[in-house]
Amino acid sequence: MHLTRIDEAKPYFPPEHHDMRCLRLQGHEAGPADLLWMGMSQLLPGGHTSLDASPMEKFYVVLEGEVTITSDSGVETLRQWDSCRIAPGEKRALKNDTNRPAAILLAMPFPGVKKD
């Protein structure tokens, strides 16, 4: 087992993430992982990402607050414990439109991981 305590999670700085603090929970520099990595983003009120696509599939779970997700298929507001999948190549933007902080969990495969 590999453990990452939240107090020891290291920040990472993805491009086009504004008024957000991103922490690596598993994978990459946070420790060993074979198929995917996990991160948590804390969004201040007004915090957001740009509308952009990635070649990798992404899964989001809102841990706290509300996060509005704009994608190729529309605009949805996710609340605590709601989740969504963003397909490879699908554009997405995240935004906290509230006056309270929000937190979202991200799970994403490593580049080169193939579906069976």
PDB file of N, CA and C in Angstrom:
ATOM      1  N   MET A   1       0.852  -1.182   0.000  1.00  0.00           N
ATOM      2  CA  MET A   1       0.000   0.000   0.000  1.00  0.00           C
ATOM      3  C   MET A   1       0.891   1.236   0.000  1.00  0.00           C
ATOM      4  N   HIS A   2       0.477   2.227  -0.774  1.00  0.00           N
ATOM      5  CA  HIS A   2       1.156   3.530  -0.769  1.00  0.00           C
ATOM      6  C   HIS A   2       0.159   4.564  -0.255  1.00  0.00           C
ATOM      7  N   LEU A   3       0.545   5.304   0.746  1.00  0.00           N
ATOM      8  CA  LEU A   3      -0.326   6.257   1.423  1.00  0.00           C
ATOM      9  C   LEU A   3       0.137   7.685   1.155  1.00  0.00           C
ATOM     10  N   THR A   4      -0.807   8.561   0.841  1.00  0.00           N
ATOM     11  CA  THR A   4      -0.532   9.997   0.762  1.00  0.00           C
ATOM     12  C   THR A   4      -1.471  10.700   1.731  1.00  0.00           C
ATOM     13  N   ARG A   5      -0.914  11.295   2.752  1.00  0.00           N
ATOM     14  CA  ARG A   5      -1.713  12.087   3.696  1.00  0.00           C
ATOM     15  C   ARG A   5      -1.972  13.454   3.063  1.00  0.00           C
ATOM     16  N   ILE A   6      -3.180  13.963   3.241  1.00  0.00           N
ATOM     17  CA  ILE A   6      -3.526  15.250   2.624  1.00  0.00           C
ATOM     18  C   ILE A   6      -2.571  16.355   3.062  1.00  0.00           C
ATOM     19  N   ASP A   7      -2.096  16.316   4.289  1.00  0.00           N
ATOM     20  CA  ASP A   7      -1.175  17.337   4.774  1.00  0.00           C
ATOM     21  C   ASP A   7       0.195  17.250   4.100  1.00  0.00           C
ATOM     22  N   GLU A   8       0.488  16.123   3.459  1.00  0.00           N
ATOM     23  CA  GLU A   8       1.775  15.927   2.788  1.00  0.00           C
ATOM     24  C   GLU A   8       1.660  15.950   1.263  1.00  0.00           C
ATOM     25  N   ALA A   9       0.442  16.082   0.731  1.00  0.00           N
ATOM     26  CA  ALA A   9       0.249  16.099  -0.721  1.00  0.00           C
ATOM     27  C   ALA A   9       0.944  17.326  -1.314  1.00  0.00           C
ATOM     28  N   LYS A  10       1.635  17.106  -2.416  1.00  0.00           N
ATOM     29  CA  LYS A  10       2.401  18.175  -3.064  1.00  0.00           C
ATOM     30  C   LYS A  10       1.560  18.870  -4.139  1.00  0.00           C
ATOM     31  N   PRO A  11       1.691  20.184  -4.248  1.00  0.00           N
ATOM     32  CA  PRO A  11       0.971  20.897  -5.307  1.00  0.00           C
ATOM     33  C   PRO A  11       1.577  20.624  -6.679  1.00  0.00           C
ATOM     34  N   TYR A  12       0.739  20.736  -7.686  1.00  0.00           N
ATOM     35  CA  TYR A  12       1.212  20.747  -9.067  1.00  0.00           C
ATOM     36  C   TYR A  12       0.486  21.886  -9.765  1.00  0.00           C
ATOM     37  N   PHE A  13       1.011  22.319 -10.887  1.00  0.00           N
ATOM     38  CA  PHE A  13       0.573  23.574 -11.488  1.00  0.00           C
ATOM     39  C   PHE A  13       0.225  23.386 -12.964  1.00  0.00           C
ATOM     40  N   PRO A  14      -0.961  22.844 -13.247  1.00  0.00           N
ATOM     41  CA  PRO A  14      -1.346  22.671 -14.648  1.00  0.00           C
ATOM     42  C   PRO A  14      -1.622  24.022 -15.303  1.00  0.00           C
ATOM     43  N   PRO A  15      -1.350  24.128 -16.597  1.00  0.00           N
ATOM     44  CA  PRO A  15      -1.616  25.387 -17.288  1.00  0.00           C
ATOM     45  C   PRO A  15      -3.117  25.671 -17.368  1.00  0.00           C
ATOM     46  N   GLU A  16      -3.448  26.938 -17.475  1.00  0.00           N
ATOM     47  CA  GLU A  16      -4.835  27.390 -17.670  1.00  0.00           C
ATOM     48  C   GLU A  16      -5.765  27.027 -16.510  1.00  0.00           C
ATOM     49  N   HIS A  17      -5.231  26.909 -15.309  1.00  0.00           N
ATOM     50  CA  HIS A  17      -6.012  26.717 -14.083  1.00  0.00           C
ATOM     51  C   HIS A  17      -5.842  27.996 -13.258  1.00  0.00           C
ATOM     52  N   HIS A  18      -6.932  28.712 -13.029  1.00  0.00           N
ATOM     53  CA  HIS A  18      -6.889  30.036 -12.406  1.00  0.00           C
ATOM     54  C   HIS A  18      -7.633  30.019 -11.077  1.00  0.00           C
ATOM     55  N   ASP A  19      -7.020  30.621 -10.046  1.00  0.00           N
ATOM     56  CA  ASP A  19      -7.588  30.656  -8.694  1.00  0.00           C
ATOM     57  C   ASP A  19      -7.930  29.248  -8.213  1.00  0.00           C
ATOM     58  N   MET A  20      -6.984  28.333  -8.470  1.00  0.00           N
ATOM     59  CA  MET A  20      -7.134  26.938  -8.065  1.00  0.00           C
ATOM     60  C   MET A  20      -5.837  26.463  -7.424  1.00  0.00           C
ATOM     61  N   ARG A  21      -5.967  25.553  -6.489  1.00  0.00           N
ATOM     62  CA  ARG A  21      -4.806  24.873  -5.907  1.00  0.00           C
ATOM     63  C   ARG A  21      -4.979  23.394  -6.201  1.00  0.00           C
ATOM     64  N   CYS A  22      -4.011  22.819  -6.883  1.00  0.00           N
ATOM     65  CA  CYS A  22      -4.079  21.426  -7.304  1.00  0.00           C
ATOM     66  C   CYS A  22      -3.063  20.608  -6.512  1.00  0.00           C
ATOM     67  N   LEU A  23      -3.514  19.498  -5.952  1.00  0.00           N
ATOM     68  CA  LEU A  23      -2.657  18.629  -5.159  1.00  0.00           C
ATOM     69  C   LEU A  23      -2.624  17.239  -5.791  1.00  0.00           C
ATOM     70  N   ARG A  24      -1.440  16.665  -5.892  1.00  0.00           N
ATOM     71  CA  ARG A  24      -1.290  15.307  -6.415  1.00  0.00           C
ATOM     72  C   ARG A  24      -1.497  14.331  -5.260  1.00  0.00           C
ATOM     73  N   LEU A  25      -2.438  13.414  -5.415  1.00  0.00           N
ATOM     74  CA  LEU A  25      -2.746  12.455  -4.363  1.00  0.00           C
ATOM     75  C   LEU A  25      -2.072  11.099  -4.589  1.00  0.00           C
ATOM     76  N   GLN A  26      -2.064  10.638  -5.820  1.00  0.00           N
ATOM     77  CA  GLN A  26      -1.455   9.351  -6.167  1.00  0.00           C
ATOM     78  C   GLN A  26      -0.875   9.444  -7.575  1.00  0.00           C
ATOM     79  N   GLY A  27       0.172   8.681  -7.831  1.00  0.00           N
ATOM     80  CA  GLY A  27       0.790   8.661  -9.157  1.00  0.00           C
ATOM     81  C   GLY A  27       1.732   9.835  -9.358  1.00  0.00           C
ATOM     82  N   HIS A  28       2.471   9.801 -10.468  1.00  0.00           N
ATOM     83  CA  HIS A  28       3.505  10.793 -10.769  1.00  0.00           C
ATOM     84  C   HIS A  28       4.433  10.938  -9.564  1.00  0.00           C
ATOM     85  N   GLU A  29       4.708  12.168  -9.152  1.00  0.00           N
ATOM     86  CA  GLU A  29       5.639  12.373  -8.041  1.00  0.00           C
ATOM     87  C   GLU A  29       5.035  12.000  -6.675  1.00  0.00           C
ATOM     88  N   ALA A  30       3.733  11.692  -6.626  1.00  0.00           N
ATOM     89  CA  ALA A  30       3.107  11.310  -5.360  1.00  0.00           C
ATOM     90  C   ALA A  30       3.313   9.839  -5.023  1.00  0.00           C
ATOM     91  N   GLY A  31       3.855   9.069  -5.951  1.00  0.00           N
ATOM     92  CA  GLY A  31       4.131   7.671  -5.641  1.00  0.00           C
ATOM     93  C   GLY A  31       3.809   6.737  -6.780  1.00  0.00           C
ATOM     94  N   PRO A  32       4.013   5.458  -6.566  1.00  0.00           N
ATOM     95  CA  PRO A  32       3.855   4.485  -7.641  1.00  0.00           C
ATOM     96  C   PRO A  32       2.397   4.319  -8.078  1.00  0.00           C
ATOM     97  N   ALA A  33       2.202   4.104  -9.369  1.00  0.00           N
ATOM     98  CA  ALA A  33       0.883   3.813  -9.938  1.00  0.00           C
ATOM     99  C   ALA A  33       1.106   3.225 -11.323  1.00  0.00           C
ATOM    100  N   ASP A  34       0.309   2.257 -11.698  1.00  0.00           N
ATOM    101  CA  ASP A  34       0.461   1.595 -12.987  1.00  0.00           C
ATOM    102  C   ASP A  34      -0.452   2.150 -14.066  1.00  0.00           C
ATOM    103  N   LEU A  35      -1.702   2.475 -13.724  1.00  0.00           N
ATOM    104  CA  LEU A  35      -2.691   2.803 -14.741  1.00  0.00           C
ATOM    105  C   LEU A  35      -3.199   4.233 -14.715  1.00  0.00           C
ATOM    106  N   LEU A  36      -3.306   4.814 -13.516  1.00  0.00           N
ATOM    107  CA  LEU A  36      -3.885   6.158 -13.444  1.00  0.00           C
ATOM    108  C   LEU A  36      -3.270   6.940 -12.300  1.00  0.00           C
ATOM    109  N   TRP A  37      -3.526   8.236 -12.324  1.00  0.00           N
ATOM    110  CA  TRP A  37      -3.121   9.098 -11.228  1.00  0.00           C
ATOM    111  C   TRP A  37      -4.350   9.846 -10.732  1.00  0.00           C
ATOM    112  N   MET A  38      -4.254  10.384  -9.499  1.00  0.00           N
ATOM    113  CA  MET A  38      -5.362  11.114  -8.906  1.00  0.00           C
ATOM    114  C   MET A  38      -4.873  12.441  -8.341  1.00  0.00           C
ATOM    115  N   GLY A  39      -5.701  13.441  -8.506  1.00  0.00           N
ATOM    116  CA  GLY A  39      -5.414  14.746  -7.941  1.00  0.00           C
ATOM    117  C   GLY A  39      -6.679  15.359  -7.373  1.00  0.00           C
ATOM    118  N   MET A  40      -6.487  16.372  -6.564  1.00  0.00           N
ATOM    119  CA  MET A  40      -7.609  17.125  -6.019  1.00  0.00           C
ATOM    120  C   MET A  40      -7.365  18.593  -6.320  1.00  0.00           C
ATOM    121  N   SER A  41      -8.396  19.249  -6.840  1.00  0.00           N
ATOM    122  CA  SER A  41      -8.311  20.682  -7.103  1.00  0.00           C
ATOM    123  C   SER A  41      -9.273  21.413  -6.187  1.00  0.00           C
ATOM    124  N   GLN A  42      -8.770  22.453  -5.552  1.00  0.00           N
ATOM    125  CA  GLN A  42      -9.590  23.328  -4.735  1.00  0.00           C
ATOM    126  C   GLN A  42      -9.796  24.603  -5.536  1.00  0.00           C
ATOM    127  N   LEU A  43     -11.062  24.943  -5.759  1.00  0.00           N
ATOM    128  CA  LEU A  43     -11.409  26.114  -6.562  1.00  0.00           C
ATOM    129  C   LEU A  43     -11.934  27.208  -5.652  1.00  0.00           C
ATOM    130  N   LEU A  44     -11.270  28.343  -5.655  1.00  0.00           N
ATOM    131  CA  LEU A  44     -11.798  29.515  -4.958  1.00  0.00           C
ATOM    132  C   LEU A  44     -13.042  30.007  -5.687  1.00  0.00           C
ATOM    133  N   PRO A  45     -13.865  30.836  -5.065  1.00  0.00           N
ATOM    134  CA  PRO A  45     -14.965  31.443  -5.797  1.00  0.00           C
ATOM    135  C   PRO A  45     -14.430  32.130  -7.059  1.00  0.00           C
ATOM    136  N   GLY A  46     -15.030  31.822  -8.187  1.00  0.00           N
ATOM    137  CA  GLY A  46     -14.566  32.354  -9.471  1.00  0.00           C
ATOM    138  C   GLY A  46     -13.440  31.549 -10.088  1.00  0.00           C
ATOM    139  N   GLY A  47     -12.865  30.591  -9.362  1.00  0.00           N
ATOM    140  CA  GLY A  47     -11.787  29.775  -9.901  1.00  0.00           C
ATOM    141  C   GLY A  47     -12.266  28.978 -11.097  1.00  0.00           C
ATOM    142  N   HIS A  48     -11.356  28.787 -12.064  1.00  0.00           N
ATOM    143  CA  HIS A  48     -11.792  28.127 -13.302  1.00  0.00           C
ATOM    144  C   HIS A  48     -10.605  27.593 -14.106  1.00  0.00           C
ATOM    145  N   THR A  49     -10.942  26.771 -15.088  1.00  0.00           N
ATOM    146  CA  THR A  49      -9.991  26.350 -16.110  1.00  0.00           C
ATOM    147  C   THR A  49     -10.469  26.906 -17.443  1.00  0.00           C
ATOM    148  N   SER A  50      -9.577  26.930 -18.411  1.00  0.00           N
ATOM    149  CA  SER A  50      -9.962  27.299 -19.766  1.00  0.00           C
ATOM    150  C   SER A  50     -10.679  26.123 -20.425  1.00  0.00           C
ATOM    151  N   LEU A  51     -11.478  26.416 -21.445  1.00  0.00           N
ATOM    152  CA  LEU A  51     -12.138  25.370 -22.231  1.00  0.00           C
ATOM    153  C   LEU A  51     -11.083  24.735 -23.116  1.00  0.00           C
ATOM    154  N   ASP A  52     -10.759  23.479 -22.841  1.00  0.00           N
ATOM    155  CA  ASP A  52      -9.670  22.812 -23.541  1.00  0.00           C
ATOM    156  C   ASP A  52      -9.924  21.321 -23.541  1.00  0.00           C
ATOM    157  N   ALA A  53      -9.307  20.627 -24.488  1.00  0.00           N
ATOM    158  CA  ALA A  53      -9.431  19.174 -24.599  1.00  0.00           C
ATOM    159  C   ALA A  53      -8.101  18.516 -24.283  1.00  0.00           C
ATOM    160  N   SER A  54      -8.180  17.261 -23.906  1.00  0.00           N
ATOM    161  CA  SER A  54      -7.013  16.442 -23.615  1.00  0.00           C
ATOM    162  C   SER A  54      -7.218  15.103 -24.319  1.00  0.00           C
ATOM    163  N   PRO A  55      -6.151  14.445 -24.719  1.00  0.00           N
ATOM    164  CA  PRO A  55      -6.320  13.124 -25.336  1.00  0.00           C
ATOM    165  C   PRO A  55      -6.669  12.034 -24.333  1.00  0.00           C
ATOM    166  N   MET A  56      -6.661  12.379 -23.054  1.00  0.00           N
ATOM    167  CA  MET A  56      -6.907  11.385 -22.009  1.00  0.00           C
ATOM    168  C   MET A  56      -8.322  11.520 -21.430  1.00  0.00           C
ATOM    169  N   GLU A  57      -8.927  10.392 -21.124  1.00  0.00           N
ATOM    170  CA  GLU A  57     -10.195  10.338 -20.428  1.00  0.00           C
ATOM    171  C   GLU A  57     -10.010  10.907 -19.014  1.00  0.00           C
ATOM    172  N   LYS A  58     -11.041  11.612 -18.507  1.00  0.00           N
ATOM    173  CA  LYS A  58     -10.979  12.197 -17.167  1.00  0.00           C
ATOM    174  C   LYS A  58     -12.260  11.872 -16.412  1.00  0.00           C
ATOM    175  N   PHE A  59     -12.106  11.602 -15.117  1.00  0.00           N
ATOM    176  CA  PHE A  59     -13.246  11.404 -14.234  1.00  0.00           C
ATOM    177  C   PHE A  59     -13.160  12.433 -13.114  1.00  0.00           C
ATOM    178  N   TYR A  60     -14.276  13.105 -12.836  1.00  0.00           N
ATOM    179  CA  TYR A  60     -14.348  14.094 -11.772  1.00  0.00           C
ATOM    180  C   TYR A  60     -15.406  13.690 -10.750  1.00  0.00           C
ATOM    181  N   VAL A  61     -15.114  13.933  -9.469  1.00  0.00           N
ATOM    182  CA  VAL A  61     -16.085  13.774  -8.383  1.00  0.00           C
ATOM    183  C   VAL A  61     -16.010  15.043  -7.542  1.00  0.00           C
ATOM    184  N   VAL A  62     -17.134  15.716  -7.352  1.00  0.00           N
ATOM    185  CA  VAL A  62     -17.146  16.910  -6.510  1.00  0.00           C
ATOM    186  C   VAL A  62     -17.157  16.462  -5.053  1.00  0.00           C
ATOM    187  N   LEU A  63     -16.152  16.886  -4.309  1.00  0.00           N
ATOM    188  CA  LEU A  63     -16.024  16.532  -2.897  1.00  0.00           C
ATOM    189  C   LEU A  63     -16.710  17.536  -1.988  1.00  0.00           C
ATOM    190  N   GLU A  64     -16.727  18.792  -2.430  1.00  0.00           N
ATOM    191  CA  GLU A  64     -17.284  19.869  -1.610  1.00  0.00           C
ATOM    192  C   GLU A  64     -17.722  20.991  -2.533  1.00  0.00           C
ATOM    193  N   GLY A  65     -18.839  21.633  -2.207  1.00  0.00           N
ATOM    194  CA  GLY A  65     -19.292  22.784  -2.968  1.00  0.00           C
ATOM    195  C   GLY A  65     -19.957  22.406  -4.277  1.00  0.00           C
ATOM    196  N   GLU A  66     -19.901  23.330  -5.236  1.00  0.00           N
ATOM    197  CA  GLU A  66     -20.490  23.147  -6.559  1.00  0.00           C
ATOM    198  C   GLU A  66     -19.475  23.539  -7.609  1.00  0.00           C
ATOM    199  N   VAL A  67     -19.425  22.769  -8.686  1.00  0.00           N
ATOM    200  CA  VAL A  67     -18.539  23.062  -9.805  1.00  0.00           C
ATOM    201  C   VAL A  67     -19.359  22.968 -11.085  1.00  0.00           C
ATOM    202  N   THR A  68     -19.328  24.021 -11.886  1.00  0.00           N
ATOM    203  CA  THR A  68     -19.996  24.014 -13.179  1.00  0.00           C
ATOM    204  C   THR A  68     -19.010  23.518 -14.222  1.00  0.00           C
ATOM    205  N   ILE A  69     -19.437  22.519 -14.989  1.00  0.00           N
ATOM    206  CA  ILE A  69     -18.593  21.948 -16.029  1.00  0.00           C
ATOM    207  C   ILE A  69     -19.239  22.216 -17.375  1.00  0.00           C
ATOM    208  N   THR A  70     -18.496  22.888 -18.234  1.00  0.00           N
ATOM    209  CA  THR A  70     -18.912  23.119 -19.611  1.00  0.00           C
ATOM    210  C   THR A  70     -18.146  22.134 -20.474  1.00  0.00           C
ATOM    211  N   SER A  71     -18.861  21.428 -21.347  1.00  0.00           N
ATOM    212  CA  SER A  71     -18.213  20.472 -22.234  1.00  0.00           C
ATOM    213  C   SER A  71     -18.862  20.542 -23.606  1.00  0.00           C
ATOM    214  N   ASP A  72     -18.397  19.688 -24.498  1.00  0.00           N
ATOM    215  CA  ASP A  72     -18.977  19.623 -25.838  1.00  0.00           C
ATOM    216  C   ASP A  72     -20.459  19.268 -25.787  1.00  0.00           C
ATOM    217  N   SER A  73     -20.896  18.605 -24.708  1.00  0.00           N
ATOM    218  CA  SER A  73     -22.288  18.177 -24.625  1.00  0.00           C
ATOM    219  C   SER A  73     -23.165  19.116 -23.803  1.00  0.00           C
ATOM    220  N   GLY A  74     -22.635  20.233 -23.323  1.00  0.00           N
ATOM    221  CA  GLY A  74     -23.473  21.191 -22.609  1.00  0.00           C
ATOM    222  C   GLY A  74     -22.845  21.708 -21.337  1.00  0.00           C
ATOM    223  N   VAL A  75     -23.681  22.282 -20.477  1.00  0.00           N
ATOM    224  CA  VAL A  75     -23.255  22.859 -19.202  1.00  0.00           C
ATOM    225  C   VAL A  75     -24.032  22.164 -18.091  1.00  0.00           C
ATOM    226  N   GLU A  76     -23.314  21.680 -17.089  1.00  0.00           N
ATOM    227  CA  GLU A  76     -23.932  21.013 -15.941  1.00  0.00           C
ATOM    228  C   GLU A  76     -23.274  21.513 -14.667  1.00  0.00           C
ATOM    229  N   THR A  77     -24.065  21.634 -13.607  1.00  0.00           N
ATOM    230  CA  THR A  77     -23.534  21.957 -12.293  1.00  0.00           C
ATOM    231  C   THR A  77     -23.516  20.687 -11.467  1.00  0.00           C
ATOM    232  N   LEU A  78     -22.336  20.321 -10.998  1.00  0.00           N
ATOM    233  CA  LEU A  78     -22.175  19.153 -10.148  1.00  0.00           C
ATOM    234  C   LEU A  78     -22.089  19.618  -8.710  1.00  0.00           C
ATOM    235  N   ARG A  79     -22.797  18.911  -7.845  1.00  0.00           N
ATOM    236  CA  ARG A  79     -22.777  19.192  -6.417  1.00  0.00           C
ATOM    237  C   ARG A  79     -22.080  18.055  -5.691  1.00  0.00           C
ATOM    238  N   GLN A  80     -21.958  18.171  -4.387  1.00  0.00           N
ATOM    239  CA  GLN A  80     -21.214  17.190  -3.602  1.00  0.00           C
ATOM    240  C   GLN A  80     -21.647  15.771  -3.956  1.00  0.00           C
ATOM    241  N   TRP A  81     -20.648  14.927  -4.247  1.00  0.00           N
ATOM    242  CA  TRP A  81     -20.736  13.505  -4.581  1.00  0.00           C
ATOM    243  C   TRP A  81     -21.211  13.250  -6.006  1.00  0.00           C
ATOM    244  N   ASP A  82     -21.577  14.289  -6.781  1.00  0.00           N
ATOM    245  CA  ASP A  82     -21.868  14.082  -8.204  1.00  0.00           C
ATOM    246  C   ASP A  82     -20.562  13.824  -8.930  1.00  0.00           C
ATOM    247  N   SER A  83     -20.649  13.089 -10.036  1.00  0.00           N
ATOM    248  CA  SER A  83     -19.449  12.780 -10.810  1.00  0.00           C
ATOM    249  C   SER A  83     -19.753  12.853 -12.299  1.00  0.00           C
ATOM    250  N   CYS A  84     -18.689  12.936 -13.095  1.00  0.00           N
ATOM    251  CA  CYS A  84     -18.850  12.912 -14.545  1.00  0.00           C
ATOM    252  C   CYS A  84     -17.594  12.349 -15.197  1.00  0.00           C
ATOM    253  N   ARG A  85     -17.752  11.921 -16.434  1.00  0.00           N
ATOM    254  CA  ARG A  85     -16.653  11.453 -17.274  1.00  0.00           C
ATOM    255  C   ARG A  85     -16.526  12.412 -18.442  1.00  0.00           C
ATOM    256  N   ILE A  86     -15.297  12.798 -18.737  1.00  0.00           N
ATOM    257  CA  ILE A  86     -14.986  13.590 -19.921  1.00  0.00           C
ATOM    258  C   ILE A  86     -14.226  12.659 -20.864  1.00  0.00           C
ATOM    259  N   ALA A  87     -14.744  12.475 -22.054  1.00  0.00           N
ATOM    260  CA  ALA A  87     -14.155  11.545 -23.022  1.00  0.00           C
ATOM    261  C   ALA A  87     -12.841  12.096 -23.578  1.00  0.00           C
ATOM    262  N   PRO A  88     -11.984  11.227 -24.062  1.00  0.00           N
ATOM    263  CA  PRO A  88     -10.758  11.695 -24.718  1.00  0.00           C
ATOM    264  C   PRO A  88     -11.109  12.652 -25.870  1.00  0.00           C
ATOM    265  N   GLY A  89     -10.436  13.784 -25.923  1.00  0.00           N
ATOM    266  CA  GLY A  89     -10.668  14.767 -26.981  1.00  0.00           C
ATOM    267  C   GLY A  89     -11.852  15.687 -26.753  1.00  0.00           C
ATOM    268  N   GLU A  90     -12.640  15.461 -25.707  1.00  0.00           N
ATOM    269  CA  GLU A  90     -13.797  16.312 -25.412  1.00  0.00           C
ATOM    270  C   GLU A  90     -13.328  17.555 -24.661  1.00  0.00           C
ATOM    271  N   LYS A  91     -13.722  18.722 -25.153  1.00  0.00           N
ATOM    272  CA  LYS A  91     -13.368  19.961 -24.456  1.00  0.00           C
ATOM    273  C   LYS A  91     -14.133  20.053 -23.146  1.00  0.00           C
ATOM    274  N   ARG A  92     -13.473  20.663 -22.137  1.00  0.00           N
ATOM    275  CA  ARG A  92     -14.126  20.884 -20.854  1.00  0.00           C
ATOM    276  C   ARG A  92     -13.549  22.119 -20.193  1.00  0.00           C
ATOM    277  N   ALA A  93     -14.403  22.779 -19.423  1.00  0.00           N
ATOM    278  CA  ALA A  93     -13.979  23.894 -18.564  1.00  0.00           C
ATOM    279  C   ALA A  93     -14.665  23.711 -17.224  1.00  0.00           C
ATOM    280  N   LEU A  94     -13.940  23.962 -16.154  1.00  0.00           N
ATOM    281  CA  LEU A  94     -14.488  23.914 -14.800  1.00  0.00           C
ATOM    282  C   LEU A  94     -14.603  25.335 -14.277  1.00  0.00           C
ATOM    283  N   LYS A  95     -15.638  25.598 -13.464  1.00  0.00           N
ATOM    284  CA  LYS A  95     -15.756  26.921 -12.854  1.00  0.00           C
ATOM    285  C   LYS A  95     -16.537  26.822 -11.560  1.00  0.00           C
ATOM    286  N   ASN A  96     -16.074  27.571 -10.563  1.00  0.00           N
ATOM    287  CA  ASN A  96     -16.809  27.719  -9.315  1.00  0.00           C
ATOM    288  C   ASN A  96     -17.550  29.047  -9.395  1.00  0.00           C
ATOM    289  N   ASP A  97     -18.862  28.977  -9.636  1.00  0.00           N
ATOM    290  CA  ASP A  97     -19.688  30.178  -9.773  1.00  0.00           C
ATOM    291  C   ASP A  97     -20.289  30.628  -8.441  1.00  0.00           C
ATOM    292  N   THR A  98     -19.893  30.000  -7.334  1.00  0.00           N
ATOM    293  CA  THR A  98     -20.470  30.344  -6.037  1.00  0.00           C
ATOM    294  C   THR A  98     -19.517  31.239  -5.250  1.00  0.00           C
ATOM    295  N   ASN A  99     -19.953  31.643  -4.074  1.00  0.00           N
ATOM    296  CA  ASN A  99     -19.112  32.432  -3.169  1.00  0.00           C
ATOM    297  C   ASN A  99     -18.441  31.570  -2.107  1.00  0.00           C
ATOM    298  N   ARG A 100     -18.476  30.249  -2.292  1.00  0.00           N
ATOM    299  CA  ARG A 100     -17.848  29.314  -1.347  1.00  0.00           C
ATOM    300  C   ARG A 100     -16.799  28.491  -2.086  1.00  0.00           C
ATOM    301  N   PRO A 101     -15.763  28.050  -1.395  1.00  0.00           N
ATOM    302  CA  PRO A 101     -14.772  27.189  -2.036  1.00  0.00           C
ATOM    303  C   PRO A 101     -15.395  25.862  -2.462  1.00  0.00           C
ATOM    304  N   ALA A 102     -14.793  25.246  -3.452  1.00  0.00           N
ATOM    305  CA  ALA A 102     -15.215  23.930  -3.928  1.00  0.00           C
ATOM    306  C   ALA A 102     -13.972  23.048  -4.053  1.00  0.00           C
ATOM    307  N   ALA A 103     -14.190  21.736  -4.007  1.00  0.00           N
ATOM    308  CA  ALA A 103     -13.093  20.784  -4.190  1.00  0.00           C
ATOM    309  C   ALA A 103     -13.568  19.670  -5.099  1.00  0.00           C
ATOM    310  N   ILE A 104     -12.690  19.269  -6.025  1.00  0.00           N
ATOM    311  CA  ILE A 104     -13.039  18.236  -6.992  1.00  0.00           C
ATOM    312  C   ILE A 104     -11.890  17.240  -7.098  1.00  0.00           C
ATOM    313  N   LEU A 105     -12.227  15.961  -7.135  1.00  0.00           N
ATOM    314  CA  LEU A 105     -11.264  14.883  -7.302  1.00  0.00           C
ATOM    315  C   LEU A 105     -11.164  14.549  -8.782  1.00  0.00           C
ATOM    316  N   LEU A 106      -9.946  14.372  -9.272  1.00  0.00           N
ATOM    317  CA  LEU A 106      -9.686  14.014 -10.664  1.00  0.00           C
ATOM    318  C   LEU A 106      -8.974  12.670 -10.698  1.00  0.00           C
ATOM    319  N   ALA A 107      -9.449  11.758 -11.535  1.00  0.00           N
ATOM    320  CA  ALA A 107      -8.754  10.501 -11.806  1.00  0.00           C
ATOM    321  C   ALA A 107      -8.543  10.424 -13.310  1.00  0.00           C
ATOM    322  N   MET A 108      -7.308  10.113 -13.722  1.00  0.00           N
ATOM    323  CA  MET A 108      -6.952  10.184 -15.136  1.00  0.00           C
ATOM    324  C   MET A 108      -5.884   9.137 -15.450  1.00  0.00           C
ATOM    325  N   PRO A 109      -6.019   8.389 -16.550  1.00  0.00           N
ATOM    326  CA  PRO A 109      -4.987   7.402 -16.882  1.00  0.00           C
ATOM    327  C   PRO A 109      -3.699   8.080 -17.330  1.00  0.00           C
ATOM    328  N   PHE A 110      -2.621   7.334 -17.206  1.00  0.00           N
ATOM    329  CA  PHE A 110      -1.345   7.800 -17.740  1.00  0.00           C
ATOM    330  C   PHE A 110      -1.373   7.747 -19.266  1.00  0.00           C
ATOM    331  N   PRO A 111      -0.646   8.618 -19.944  1.00  0.00           N
ATOM    332  CA  PRO A 111      -0.551   8.516 -21.394  1.00  0.00           C
ATOM    333  C   PRO A 111      -0.060   7.129 -21.801  1.00  0.00           C
ATOM    334  N   GLY A 112      -0.637   6.592 -22.853  1.00  0.00           N
ATOM    335  CA  GLY A 112      -0.202   5.289 -23.341  1.00  0.00           C
ATOM    336  C   GLY A 112      -0.929   4.111 -22.750  1.00  0.00           C
ATOM    337  N   VAL A 113      -1.784   4.337 -21.715  1.00  0.00           N
ATOM    338  CA  VAL A 113      -2.553   3.241 -21.152  1.00  0.00           C
ATOM    339  C   VAL A 113      -3.688   2.933 -22.131  1.00  0.00           C
ATOM    340  N   LYS A 114      -3.781   1.691 -22.547  1.00  0.00           N
ATOM    341  CA  LYS A 114      -4.776   1.261 -23.549  1.00  0.00           C
ATOM    342  C   LYS A 114      -5.934   0.531 -22.891  1.00  0.00           C
ATOM    343  N   LYS A 115      -7.122   0.702 -23.493  1.00  0.00           N
ATOM    344  CA  LYS A 115      -8.291  -0.054 -23.046  1.00  0.00           C
ATOM    345  C   LYS A 115      -8.154  -1.486 -23.531  1.00  0.00           C
ATOM    346  N   ASP A 116      -8.656  -2.421 -22.752  1.00  0.00           N
ATOM    347  CA  ASP A 116      -8.684  -3.833 -23.184  1.00  0.00           C
ATOM    348  C   ASP A 116      -9.868  -4.109 -24.067  1.00  0.00           C
TER     349      ASP A 116
END
